[in-house]
Protein backbone atom coordinates (compact mmCIF):
# COMPACT_ATOMS: atom_id res chain seq x y z
CA MET A 1 -9.29 -9.47 43.02
CA SER A 2 -12.97 -9.15 44.07
CA LYS A 3 -15.81 -8.38 41.74
CA GLN A 4 -16.18 -4.83 43.25
CA VAL A 5 -12.62 -3.93 42.82
CA LYS A 6 -12.58 -5.28 39.28
CA ASP A 7 -15.72 -3.01 38.69
CA MET A 8 -14.01 0.07 40.27
CA LEU A 9 -11.09 -0.47 37.99
CA VAL A 10 -13.34 -0.67 34.82
CA ALA A 11 -15.13 2.40 35.81
CA GLU A 12 -11.84 4.08 36.23
CA TYR A 13 -10.71 3.01 32.75
CA ASN A 14 -13.91 4.37 31.52
CA ARG A 15 -13.43 7.79 33.08
CA ARG A 16 -9.68 7.90 32.00
CA PHE A 17 -10.49 7.08 28.39
CA ALA A 18 -13.66 8.62 27.95
CA LYS A 19 -12.40 11.39 25.51
CA ALA A 20 -9.72 9.23 23.79
CA LYS A 21 -10.56 8.39 20.05
CA GLY A 22 -7.55 6.39 19.52
CA GLY A 23 -4.21 5.25 20.98
CA VAL A 24 -1.23 3.23 21.04
CA ILE A 25 -0.52 -0.07 23.18
CA ILE A 26 3.08 -0.68 24.04
CA ASP A 27 4.84 -3.12 26.15
CA ILE A 28 7.05 -1.80 28.67
CA ARG A 29 8.28 -5.05 30.13
CA GLY A 30 12.00 -5.23 30.43
CA LEU A 31 12.44 -1.50 30.83
CA ASN A 32 14.20 -0.40 34.06
CA SER A 33 12.46 2.31 36.10
CA ILE A 34 14.76 5.16 34.94
CA THR A 35 13.86 4.45 31.29
CA THR A 36 10.23 4.14 32.06
CA THR A 37 10.14 7.44 33.95
CA LYS A 38 12.04 9.36 31.26
CA LEU A 39 9.70 7.76 28.64
CA ARG A 40 6.64 8.64 30.65
CA GLY A 41 8.02 12.24 31.30
CA ALA A 42 8.72 12.81 27.58
CA LEU A 43 5.36 11.65 26.55
CA ARG A 44 3.51 13.75 29.18
CA ALA A 45 5.45 16.74 28.00
CA SER A 46 3.81 16.13 24.57
CA GLY A 47 0.50 15.89 26.20
CA ILE A 48 0.39 12.15 25.93
CA ARG A 49 -0.91 10.04 28.85
CA THR A 50 0.55 6.59 29.78
CA THR A 51 -1.63 4.04 31.81
CA VAL A 52 -0.51 0.59 32.49
CA VAL A 53 -3.71 -1.59 32.38
CA ARG A 54 -5.07 -5.14 33.28
CA THR A 55 -5.76 -6.50 29.79
CA ALA A 56 -8.98 -8.27 30.54
CA LEU A 57 -10.37 -5.22 32.55
CA ALA A 58 -9.19 -3.05 29.94
CA ARG A 59 -11.22 -4.99 27.24
CA ALA A 60 -14.20 -4.89 29.32
CA ALA A 61 -13.88 -1.09 29.63
CA PHE A 62 -13.20 -0.67 25.75
CA LYS A 63 -16.40 -2.42 24.52
CA ASN A 64 -18.59 0.02 22.72
CA HIS A 65 -15.66 2.54 22.85
CA PRO A 66 -13.53 3.80 19.94
CA LEU A 67 -10.48 1.95 21.65
CA SER A 68 -12.25 -1.27 21.17
CA THR A 69 -10.23 -1.95 17.93
CA LEU A 70 -7.24 -2.26 20.31
CA ALA A 71 -8.41 -5.54 21.83
CA PRO A 72 -5.86 -7.76 19.61
CA ALA A 73 -3.04 -5.82 21.27
CA LEU A 74 -4.08 -6.23 24.89
CA THR A 75 -2.11 -9.32 25.79
CA GLY A 76 0.06 -9.62 28.67
CA SER A 77 1.66 -6.41 30.25
CA SER A 78 0.29 -3.54 28.36
CA ALA A 79 0.40 0.19 28.78
CA VAL A 80 -1.99 2.38 26.68
CA LEU A 81 -0.87 5.77 25.28
CA TYR A 82 -3.67 8.18 24.86
CA GLY A 83 -4.39 11.84 24.53
CA LEU A 84 -6.49 14.54 23.28
CA GLU A 85 -4.28 14.63 20.18
CA SER A 86 -4.70 12.22 17.18
CA SER A 87 -3.46 8.91 17.47
CA VAL A 88 -1.08 9.79 14.58
CA ASP A 89 0.67 12.41 16.92
CA ILE A 90 0.79 9.76 19.62
CA ALA A 91 2.54 7.30 17.02
CA ARG A 92 4.87 9.83 15.70
CA ALA A 93 6.01 10.70 19.53
CA ILE A 94 6.43 7.23 20.57
CA VAL A 95 8.33 6.15 17.30
CA LYS A 96 10.66 8.94 17.80
CA LEU A 97 11.30 8.08 21.44
CA ALA A 98 11.74 4.44 20.66
CA ASP A 99 14.91 4.94 18.80
CA GLY A 100 16.95 5.25 22.12
CA ILE A 101 15.00 2.36 23.62
CA PRO A 102 15.54 -0.99 22.21
CA ASP A 103 13.43 -3.10 24.69
CA LEU A 104 10.37 -1.01 23.90
CA LYS A 105 7.80 -3.07 21.99
CA PHE A 106 5.00 -1.88 20.07
CA ARG A 107 1.78 -3.89 20.33
CA GLY A 108 -0.59 -2.02 17.98
CA ALA A 109 -2.48 1.19 17.63
CA SER A 110 -6.18 2.53 16.65
CA PHE A 111 -7.07 5.35 14.43
CA ASP A 112 -10.32 6.25 13.05
CA GLY A 113 -11.79 2.70 13.85
CA ASP A 114 -8.72 0.85 12.01
CA TYR A 115 -6.19 -1.43 13.78
CA TYR A 116 -2.59 -1.18 13.03
CA ASP A 117 -0.70 -4.20 14.44
CA GLY A 118 2.66 -4.35 15.97
CA LYS A 119 5.68 -2.18 15.28
CA ALA A 120 5.06 -1.85 11.53
CA GLY A 121 1.65 -0.98 12.08
CA VAL A 122 2.47 1.85 14.65
CA GLU A 123 5.19 2.97 12.12
CA GLN A 124 2.82 3.14 9.39
CA LEU A 125 0.50 5.23 11.42
CA SER A 126 3.16 7.64 12.33
CA LYS A 127 3.58 8.41 8.55
CA LEU A 128 0.07 9.34 7.96
CA PRO A 129 -1.05 13.10 7.83
CA THR A 130 -2.89 14.36 10.78
CA ARG A 131 -6.10 16.03 10.07
CA GLU A 132 -4.59 19.48 10.17
CA GLU A 133 -1.92 18.44 7.56
CA ALA A 134 -4.57 16.80 5.49
CA LEU A 135 -6.86 19.80 5.53
CA SER A 136 -3.78 22.03 4.64
CA ASN A 137 -2.91 19.66 1.58
CA VAL A 138 -6.71 20.01 0.39
CA LEU A 139 -6.79 23.69 0.73
CA GLY A 140 -3.52 23.92 -1.30
CA ILE A 141 -4.83 21.77 -4.05
CA ALA A 142 -8.17 23.83 -4.06
CA LYS A 143 -6.28 27.12 -4.33
CA ALA A 144 -3.90 25.96 -7.07
CA PRO A 145 -5.94 26.85 -10.09
CA GLY A 146 -6.87 30.21 -8.69
CA ALA A 147 -3.38 31.18 -7.94
CA ARG A 148 -2.26 30.22 -11.41
CA LEU A 149 -5.08 32.25 -12.92
CA LEU A 150 -3.97 35.27 -10.71
CA GLY A 151 -0.41 34.75 -11.95
CA ILE A 152 -1.37 34.84 -15.54
CA VAL A 153 -3.64 37.90 -15.07
CA LYS A 154 -0.87 39.58 -13.21
CA GLU A 155 1.64 38.94 -15.94
CA ILE A 156 -0.71 40.38 -18.53
CA GLN A 157 -0.97 43.51 -16.41
CA GLU A 158 2.60 43.98 -16.05
CA ARG A 159 3.18 43.52 -19.78
CA LEU A 160 0.58 46.04 -20.65
CA GLU A 161 1.90 48.53 -18.07
CA ARG A 162 5.26 48.28 -19.85
CA GLY A 163 3.59 48.83 -23.28
CA GLU A 164 4.15 45.49 -24.52
CA SER A 165 1.68 43.69 -26.56
CA ILE A 166 0.04 40.60 -25.72
CA ALA A 167 0.26 37.80 -28.32
CA LYS A 168 -2.90 35.79 -28.82
CA ILE A 169 -2.45 32.02 -28.32
CA GLY A 170 -4.11 29.62 -30.65
């Protein structure tokens, strides 16, 4: 392959992965075309893109990019799963789909600058909370004391309305 063609491919990878903050690398070797097409279609329906890359050119494109942490996973035939969603969402989708595809191999994943190696790493990433879930948990924790205090005040109000006395504690 000529230098010009390689430069064009690197530029195309840079364009495709420009907004990707993380992704998952899989090996789709050994999958038949029907399985690969179904897998790509299911991922596309979830907003996840799949691009089979040339590893050396992908490494060159990923330099100084959030996907640079995926370099250890770029060996042999590699497909990059990416999208505007979080890498956690991508990992969850591919782990769920992989149950019916025994020949699918996970190479690694990248999330927030961290590298998750192999199948165990991708499965670990799929169990992390997404940003929205984490914010929801923090909000729930922050609201809990206020909700408890409001419950106590409401109980006092109801007892007073029924004419019951309020016992002093302590």
